[in-house]
Amino acid sequence: MRKVSALAFVPVLAVLLAACAAQTPPPPPAPAPAVSAAPAQTLSAAADPKAYYAARCAGCHGADGSKGLQGKSADYVANALNGYKAKTYGGAKKEIMEARAAQLSSADIQALAKFAAGL
């Protein structure tokens, strides 16, 4: 019987591996993440000034407005918020209020001013 060199099997092995690789389909793409049909709800001062105040204002001004808001009229608060938004109003901590007021619409400002005047 004749001995066959191990190197003789290399081309055969290469052909078999290539044939197996050609028959293996690529993995399917990952499914896209689910998208919620309902948009995320954002807190709106115009829609619910009490909830907005509790979430965004009470931390600095107090739940009862005792830190700078009690006794202020709606016009005073609206003028202050509009001034902060326009960056034409404020004292030492005006950067904080400017950032907060920049997020408010005119309707938000009016609703918050009316709410704050009732504190």
Protein backbone atom coordinates (compact mmCIF):
# COMPACT_ATOMS: atom_id res chain seq x y z
CA MET A 1 0.00 0.00 0.00
CA ARG A 2 1.25 3.41 -0.87
CA LYS A 3 1.58 6.19 1.76
CA VAL A 4 -0.03 9.53 0.93
CA SER A 5 1.51 12.73 2.18
CA ALA A 6 -0.56 14.85 4.56
CA LEU A 7 0.05 17.82 2.28
CA ALA A 8 -1.99 16.13 -0.41
CA PHE A 9 -5.13 16.63 1.65
CA VAL A 10 -4.69 20.40 2.08
CA PRO A 11 -6.28 21.33 -1.30
CA VAL A 12 -9.16 18.92 -0.68
CA LEU A 13 -9.72 20.35 2.78
CA ALA A 14 -9.65 23.90 1.42
CA VAL A 15 -12.29 23.06 -1.19
CA LEU A 16 -14.54 21.43 1.42
CA LEU A 17 -14.25 24.39 3.79
CA ALA A 18 -15.00 26.85 1.00
CA ALA A 19 -18.07 24.84 -0.02
CA CYS A 20 -19.37 24.80 3.55
CA ALA A 21 -18.78 28.51 4.00
CA ALA A 22 -20.58 29.32 0.75
CA GLN A 23 -23.66 27.43 1.89
CA THR A 24 -23.95 29.16 5.28
CA PRO A 25 -26.28 32.17 4.96
CA PRO A 26 -25.36 35.33 6.81
CA PRO A 27 -27.20 35.90 10.09
CA PRO A 28 -30.44 37.88 9.80
CA PRO A 29 -30.25 41.57 10.75
CA ALA A 30 -31.21 42.45 14.29
CA PRO A 31 -34.82 43.62 14.60
CA ALA A 32 -35.34 47.34 14.91
CA PRO A 33 -36.18 48.53 18.41
CA ALA A 34 -39.87 48.97 19.08
CA VAL A 35 -41.08 52.54 18.75
CA SER A 36 -43.85 53.69 21.00
CA ALA A 37 -46.86 55.05 19.15
CA ALA A 38 -47.58 57.51 21.94
CA PRO A 39 -45.20 60.45 22.28
CA ALA A 40 -43.57 60.99 25.65
CA GLN A 41 -45.59 63.40 27.73
CA THR A 42 -43.81 66.53 28.81
CA LEU A 43 -44.74 68.65 31.75
CA SER A 44 -46.50 71.82 30.62
CA ALA A 45 -46.94 74.88 32.80
CA ALA A 46 -49.86 76.04 30.66
CA ALA A 47 -51.65 72.70 31.03
CA ASP A 48 -50.95 72.15 34.74
CA PRO A 49 -49.21 75.08 36.44
CA LYS A 50 -49.53 73.50 39.92
CA ALA A 51 -47.72 70.31 38.86
CA TYR A 52 -45.15 72.30 36.89
CA TYR A 53 -44.46 74.57 39.87
CA ALA A 54 -44.11 71.57 42.19
CA ALA A 55 -41.70 69.83 39.82
CA ARG A 56 -39.61 72.76 38.56
CA CYS A 57 -39.98 75.75 40.90
CA ALA A 58 -40.73 74.63 44.45
CA GLY A 59 -37.22 73.29 45.00
CA CYS A 60 -35.85 76.84 45.11
CA HIS A 61 -38.94 78.96 45.82
CA GLY A 62 -40.60 76.65 48.36
CA ALA A 63 -43.87 74.77 47.98
CA ASP A 64 -45.70 77.83 49.29
CA GLY A 65 -43.64 80.41 47.36
CA SER A 66 -42.11 81.67 50.62
CA LYS A 67 -38.71 82.13 48.99
CA GLY A 68 -39.27 85.17 46.83
CA LEU A 69 -42.75 84.69 45.39
CA GLN A 70 -45.32 85.15 48.15
CA GLY A 71 -47.19 88.42 47.83
CA LYS A 72 -46.05 89.02 44.25
CA SER A 73 -48.68 89.88 41.65
CA ALA A 74 -49.18 87.88 38.47
CA ASP A 75 -47.90 90.88 36.46
CA TYR A 76 -44.73 91.05 38.56
CA VAL A 77 -44.02 87.32 38.11
CA ALA A 78 -44.80 87.41 34.37
CA ASN A 79 -42.53 90.45 33.88
CA ALA A 80 -39.74 88.75 35.81
CA LEU A 81 -40.06 85.49 33.84
CA ASN A 82 -40.16 87.37 30.53
CA GLY A 83 -37.09 89.35 31.61
CA TYR A 84 -35.21 86.19 32.53
CA LYS A 85 -36.18 84.68 29.19
CA ALA A 86 -34.90 87.77 27.36
CA LYS A 87 -31.80 87.85 29.63
CA THR A 88 -32.55 91.44 30.64
CA TYR A 89 -33.53 90.81 34.26
CA GLY A 90 -32.11 89.24 37.38
CA GLY A 91 -29.60 89.25 40.14
CA ALA A 92 -26.90 86.96 41.43
CA LYS A 93 -28.54 83.68 40.41
CA LYS A 94 -30.01 84.88 37.15
CA GLU A 95 -28.31 82.14 35.08
CA ILE A 96 -30.45 79.53 36.81
CA MET A 97 -33.67 81.43 36.12
CA GLU A 98 -32.61 82.30 32.56
CA ALA A 99 -32.19 78.60 31.80
CA ARG A 100 -35.58 77.78 33.35
CA ALA A 101 -37.40 80.67 31.66
CA ALA A 102 -35.88 79.83 28.25
CA GLN A 103 -37.98 76.63 28.28
CA LEU A 104 -41.27 78.47 28.83
CA SER A 105 -43.75 79.60 26.21
CA SER A 106 -45.82 82.76 26.64
CA ALA A 107 -48.78 80.61 27.72
CA ASP A 108 -46.55 78.83 30.27
CA ILE A 109 -45.39 82.16 31.70
CA GLN A 110 -48.94 83.48 32.05
CA ALA A 111 -50.16 80.27 33.72
CA LEU A 112 -47.21 80.17 36.14
CA ALA A 113 -47.56 83.86 36.96
CA LYS A 114 -51.24 83.43 37.78
CA PHE A 115 -50.52 80.34 39.87
CA ALA A 116 -47.61 81.99 41.74
CA ALA A 117 -49.72 85.06 42.52
CA GLY A 118 -52.15 82.77 44.36
CA LEU A 119 -49.50 81.22 46.60
